[in-house]
């Protein structure tokens, strides 16, 4: 079970949008739910092309 971040859906979308902008990536709309927990976001960051 993941850690409850306390994010609402709007904040979740803002976080994903900021990641996309900062790292010049695109998260497909149907994949956004996968990144609802901090661990998933950290894993996404770790797997970005260097």
PDB file of N, CA and C in Angstrom:
ATOM      1  N   UNK A   1       0.841  -1.183   0.000  1.00  0.00           N
ATOM      2  CA  UNK A   1       0.000   0.000   0.000  1.00  0.00           C
ATOM      3  C   UNK A   1       0.880   1.238   0.000  1.00  0.00           C
ATOM      4  N   UNK A   2       0.524   2.232  -0.807  1.00  0.00           N
ATOM      5  CA  UNK A   2       1.310   3.442  -0.936  1.00  0.00           C
ATOM      6  C   UNK A   2       1.022   4.449   0.164  1.00  0.00           C
ATOM      7  N   UNK A   3       1.813   5.467   0.197  1.00  0.00           N
ATOM      8  CA  UNK A   3       1.636   6.546   1.161  1.00  0.00           C
ATOM      9  C   UNK A   3       0.562   7.484   0.626  1.00  0.00           C
ATOM     10  N   UNK A   4      -0.370   7.873   1.495  1.00  0.00           N
ATOM     11  CA  UNK A   4      -1.409   8.824   1.105  1.00  0.00           C
ATOM     12  C   UNK A   4      -0.783  10.210   1.029  1.00  0.00           C
ATOM     13  N   UNK A   5      -0.720  10.751  -0.156  1.00  0.00           N
ATOM     14  CA  UNK A   5      -0.094  12.062  -0.356  1.00  0.00           C
ATOM     15  C   UNK A   5      -1.022  13.202   0.013  1.00  0.00           C
ATOM     16  N   UNK A   6      -2.319  12.936   0.048  1.00  0.00           N
ATOM     17  CA  UNK A   6      -3.275  13.993   0.327  1.00  0.00           C
ATOM     18  C   UNK A   6      -3.581  14.858  -0.888  1.00  0.00           C
ATOM     19  N   UNK A   7      -3.085  14.468  -2.058  1.00  0.00           N
ATOM     20  CA  UNK A   7      -3.346  15.230  -3.272  1.00  0.00           C
ATOM     21  C   UNK A   7      -4.778  15.036  -3.707  1.00  0.00           C
ATOM     22  N   UNK A   8      -5.398  16.105  -4.170  1.00  0.00           N
ATOM     23  CA  UNK A   8      -6.666  15.935  -4.848  1.00  0.00           C
ATOM     24  C   UNK A   8      -6.371  15.798  -6.342  1.00  0.00           C
ATOM     25  N   UNK A   9      -7.377  15.544  -7.135  1.00  0.00           N
ATOM     26  CA  UNK A   9      -7.145  15.281  -8.560  1.00  0.00           C
ATOM     27  C   UNK A   9      -6.545  16.476  -9.284  1.00  0.00           C
ATOM     28  N   UNK A  10      -6.923  17.689  -8.899  1.00  0.00           N
ATOM     29  CA  UNK A  10      -6.359  18.872  -9.552  1.00  0.00           C
ATOM     30  C   UNK A  10      -4.872  19.002  -9.239  1.00  0.00           C
ATOM     31  N   UNK A  11      -4.500  18.817  -7.993  1.00  0.00           N
ATOM     32  CA  UNK A  11      -3.082  18.874  -7.636  1.00  0.00           C
ATOM     33  C   UNK A  11      -2.290  17.770  -8.310  1.00  0.00           C
ATOM     34  N   UNK A  12      -2.891  16.607  -8.443  1.00  0.00           N
ATOM     35  CA  UNK A  12      -2.235  15.501  -9.135  1.00  0.00           C
ATOM     36  C   UNK A  12      -1.923  15.900 -10.576  1.00  0.00           C
ATOM     37  N   UNK A  13      -2.890  16.488 -11.262  1.00  0.00           N
ATOM     38  CA  UNK A  13      -2.673  16.919 -12.648  1.00  0.00           C
ATOM     39  C   UNK A  13      -1.619  18.014 -12.736  1.00  0.00           C
ATOM     40  N   UNK A  14      -1.598  18.917 -11.756  1.00  0.00           N
ATOM     41  CA  UNK A  14      -0.584  19.975 -11.739  1.00  0.00           C
ATOM     42  C   UNK A  14       0.817  19.387 -11.587  1.00  0.00           C
ATOM     43  N   UNK A  15       0.955  18.405 -10.730  1.00  0.00           N
ATOM     44  CA  UNK A  15       2.259  17.768 -10.516  1.00  0.00           C
ATOM     45  C   UNK A  15       2.729  17.091 -11.798  1.00  0.00           C
ATOM     46  N   UNK A  16       1.852  16.344 -12.433  1.00  0.00           N
ATOM     47  CA  UNK A  16       2.211  15.667 -13.681  1.00  0.00           C
ATOM     48  C   UNK A  16       2.579  16.703 -14.746  1.00  0.00           C
ATOM     49  N   UNK A  17       1.800  17.781 -14.838  1.00  0.00           N
ATOM     50  CA  UNK A  17       2.072  18.828 -15.817  1.00  0.00           C
ATOM     51  C   UNK A  17       3.440  19.471 -15.578  1.00  0.00           C
ATOM     52  N   UNK A  18       3.770  19.738 -14.327  1.00  0.00           N
ATOM     53  CA  UNK A  18       5.070  20.329 -14.001  1.00  0.00           C
ATOM     54  C   UNK A  18       6.213  19.379 -14.352  1.00  0.00           C
ATOM     55  N   UNK A  19       6.037  18.096 -14.091  1.00  0.00           N
ATOM     56  CA  UNK A  19       7.061  17.112 -14.464  1.00  0.00           C
ATOM     57  C   UNK A  19       7.253  17.078 -15.973  1.00  0.00           C
ATOM     58  N   UNK A  20       6.151  17.077 -16.697  1.00  0.00           N
ATOM     59  CA  UNK A  20       6.240  17.071 -18.163  1.00  0.00           C
ATOM     60  C   UNK A  20       7.001  18.293 -18.662  1.00  0.00           C
ATOM     61  N   UNK A  21       6.687  19.431 -18.104  1.00  0.00           N
ATOM     62  CA  UNK A  21       7.322  20.675 -18.528  1.00  0.00           C
ATOM     63  C   UNK A  21       8.804  20.701 -18.147  1.00  0.00           C
ATOM     64  N   UNK A  22       9.112  20.342 -16.930  1.00  0.00           N
ATOM     65  CA  UNK A  22      10.492  20.417 -16.434  1.00  0.00           C
ATOM     66  C   UNK A  22      11.422  19.436 -17.135  1.00  0.00           C
ATOM     67  N   UNK A  23      10.903  18.252 -17.461  1.00  0.00           N
ATOM     68  CA  UNK A  23      11.769  17.203 -18.015  1.00  0.00           C
ATOM     69  C   UNK A  23      11.488  16.904 -19.479  1.00  0.00           C
ATOM     70  N   UNK A  24      10.663  17.751 -20.099  1.00  0.00           N
ATOM     71  CA  UNK A  24      10.358  17.611 -21.532  1.00  0.00           C
ATOM     72  C   UNK A  24       9.916  16.192 -21.876  1.00  0.00           C
ATOM     73  N   UNK A  25       8.969  15.684 -21.064  1.00  0.00           N
ATOM     74  CA  UNK A  25       8.413  14.358 -21.295  1.00  0.00           C
ATOM     75  C   UNK A  25       6.918  14.504 -21.529  1.00  0.00           C
ATOM     76  N   UNK A  26       6.300  13.423 -21.934  1.00  0.00           N
ATOM     77  CA  UNK A  26       4.848  13.394 -22.109  1.00  0.00           C
ATOM     78  C   UNK A  26       4.333  12.144 -21.429  1.00  0.00           C
ATOM     79  N   UNK A  27       3.415  12.336 -20.487  1.00  0.00           N
ATOM     80  CA  UNK A  27       2.732  11.219 -19.838  1.00  0.00           C
ATOM     81  C   UNK A  27       1.379  11.098 -20.530  1.00  0.00           C
ATOM     82  N   UNK A  28       1.139   9.939 -21.112  1.00  0.00           N
ATOM     83  CA  UNK A  28      -0.125   9.718 -21.819  1.00  0.00           C
ATOM     84  C   UNK A  28      -1.292   9.865 -20.843  1.00  0.00           C
ATOM     85  N   UNK A  29      -2.395  10.420 -21.327  1.00  0.00           N
ATOM     86  CA  UNK A  29      -3.560  10.648 -20.476  1.00  0.00           C
ATOM     87  C   UNK A  29      -4.003   9.384 -19.750  1.00  0.00           C
ATOM     88  N   UNK A  30      -3.971   8.257 -20.437  1.00  0.00           N
ATOM     89  CA  UNK A  30      -4.412   7.015 -19.797  1.00  0.00           C
ATOM     90  C   UNK A  30      -3.376   6.449 -18.824  1.00  0.00           C
ATOM     91  N   UNK A  31      -2.192   7.054 -18.727  1.00  0.00           N
ATOM     92  CA  UNK A  31      -1.162   6.619 -17.774  1.00  0.00           C
ATOM     93  C   UNK A  31      -1.071   7.506 -16.539  1.00  0.00           C
ATOM     94  N   UNK A  32      -1.770   8.621 -16.525  1.00  0.00           N
ATOM     95  CA  UNK A  32      -1.652   9.580 -15.428  1.00  0.00           C
ATOM     96  C   UNK A  32      -1.998   8.941 -14.078  1.00  0.00           C
ATOM     97  N   UNK A  33      -3.007   8.084 -14.049  1.00  0.00           N
ATOM     98  CA  UNK A  33      -3.391   7.443 -12.788  1.00  0.00           C
ATOM     99  C   UNK A  33      -2.265   6.604 -12.199  1.00  0.00           C
ATOM    100  N   UNK A  34      -1.372   6.098 -13.034  1.00  0.00           N
ATOM    101  CA  UNK A  34      -0.253   5.287 -12.555  1.00  0.00           C
ATOM    102  C   UNK A  34       0.666   6.073 -11.629  1.00  0.00           C
ATOM    103  N   UNK A  35       0.647   7.398 -11.764  1.00  0.00           N
ATOM    104  CA  UNK A  35       1.569   8.247 -11.013  1.00  0.00           C
ATOM    105  C   UNK A  35       0.868   9.013  -9.900  1.00  0.00           C
ATOM    106  N   UNK A  36      -0.024   8.333  -9.200  1.00  0.00           N
ATOM    107  CA  UNK A  36      -0.769   8.929  -8.106  1.00  0.00           C
ATOM    108  C   UNK A  36      -0.079   8.807  -6.763  1.00  0.00           C
ATOM    109  N   UNK A  37       1.019   8.072  -6.725  1.00  0.00           N
ATOM    110  CA  UNK A  37       1.774   7.907  -5.486  1.00  0.00           C
ATOM    111  C   UNK A  37       3.199   8.402  -5.696  1.00  0.00           C
ATOM    112  N   UNK A  38       3.785   8.897  -4.631  1.00  0.00           N
ATOM    113  CA  UNK A  38       5.131   9.460  -4.715  1.00  0.00           C
ATOM    114  C   UNK A  38       6.131   8.440  -5.249  1.00  0.00           C
ATOM    115  N   UNK A  39       6.056   7.187  -4.833  1.00  0.00           N
ATOM    116  CA  UNK A  39       6.999   6.171  -5.305  1.00  0.00           C
ATOM    117  C   UNK A  39       6.933   6.039  -6.819  1.00  0.00           C
ATOM    118  N   UNK A  40       5.749   6.050  -7.385  1.00  0.00           N
ATOM    119  CA  UNK A  40       5.597   5.938  -8.838  1.00  0.00           C
ATOM    120  C   UNK A  40       6.217   7.134  -9.549  1.00  0.00           C
ATOM    121  N   UNK A  41       6.077   8.318  -8.970  1.00  0.00           N
ATOM    122  CA  UNK A  41       6.659   9.517  -9.576  1.00  0.00           C
ATOM    123  C   UNK A  41       8.183   9.457  -9.489  1.00  0.00           C
ATOM    124  N   UNK A  42       8.706   9.005  -8.361  1.00  0.00           N
ATOM    125  CA  UNK A  42      10.162   8.863  -8.214  1.00  0.00           C
ATOM    126  C   UNK A  42      10.684   7.842  -9.215  1.00  0.00           C
ATOM    127  N   UNK A  43       9.974   6.732  -9.377  1.00  0.00           N
ATOM    128  CA  UNK A  43      10.382   5.719 -10.358  1.00  0.00           C
ATOM    129  C   UNK A  43      10.368   6.283 -11.774  1.00  0.00           C
ATOM    130  N   UNK A  44       9.350   7.082 -12.088  1.00  0.00           N
ATOM    131  CA  UNK A  44       9.288   7.732 -13.400  1.00  0.00           C
ATOM    132  C   UNK A  44      10.522   8.595 -13.605  1.00  0.00           C
ATOM    133  N   UNK A  45      10.852   9.408 -12.609  1.00  0.00           N
ATOM    134  CA  UNK A  45      12.022  10.284 -12.687  1.00  0.00           C
ATOM    135  C   UNK A  45      13.312   9.477 -12.864  1.00  0.00           C
ATOM    136  N   UNK A  46      13.454   8.399 -12.109  1.00  0.00           N
ATOM    137  CA  UNK A  46      14.666   7.581 -12.186  1.00  0.00           C
ATOM    138  C   UNK A  46      14.833   6.942 -13.558  1.00  0.00           C
ATOM    139  N   UNK A  47      13.739   6.712 -14.242  1.00  0.00           N
ATOM    140  CA  UNK A  47      13.794   6.036 -15.537  1.00  0.00           C
ATOM    141  C   UNK A  47      13.783   6.984 -16.730  1.00  0.00           C
ATOM    142  N   UNK A  48      13.906   8.284 -16.484  1.00  0.00           N
ATOM    143  CA  UNK A  48      13.972   9.236 -17.583  1.00  0.00           C
ATOM    144  C   UNK A  48      15.291   9.059 -18.330  1.00  0.00           C
ATOM    145  N   UNK A  49      15.272   9.252 -19.632  1.00  0.00           N
ATOM    146  CA  UNK A  49      16.522   9.183 -20.389  1.00  0.00           C
ATOM    147  C   UNK A  49      17.493  10.237 -19.896  1.00  0.00           C
ATOM    148  N   UNK A  50      18.714   9.858 -19.772  1.00  0.00           N
ATOM    149  CA  UNK A  50      19.754  10.789 -19.287  1.00  0.00           C
ATOM    150  C   UNK A  50      20.466  11.409 -20.460  1.00  0.00           C
TER     151      UNK A  50
END
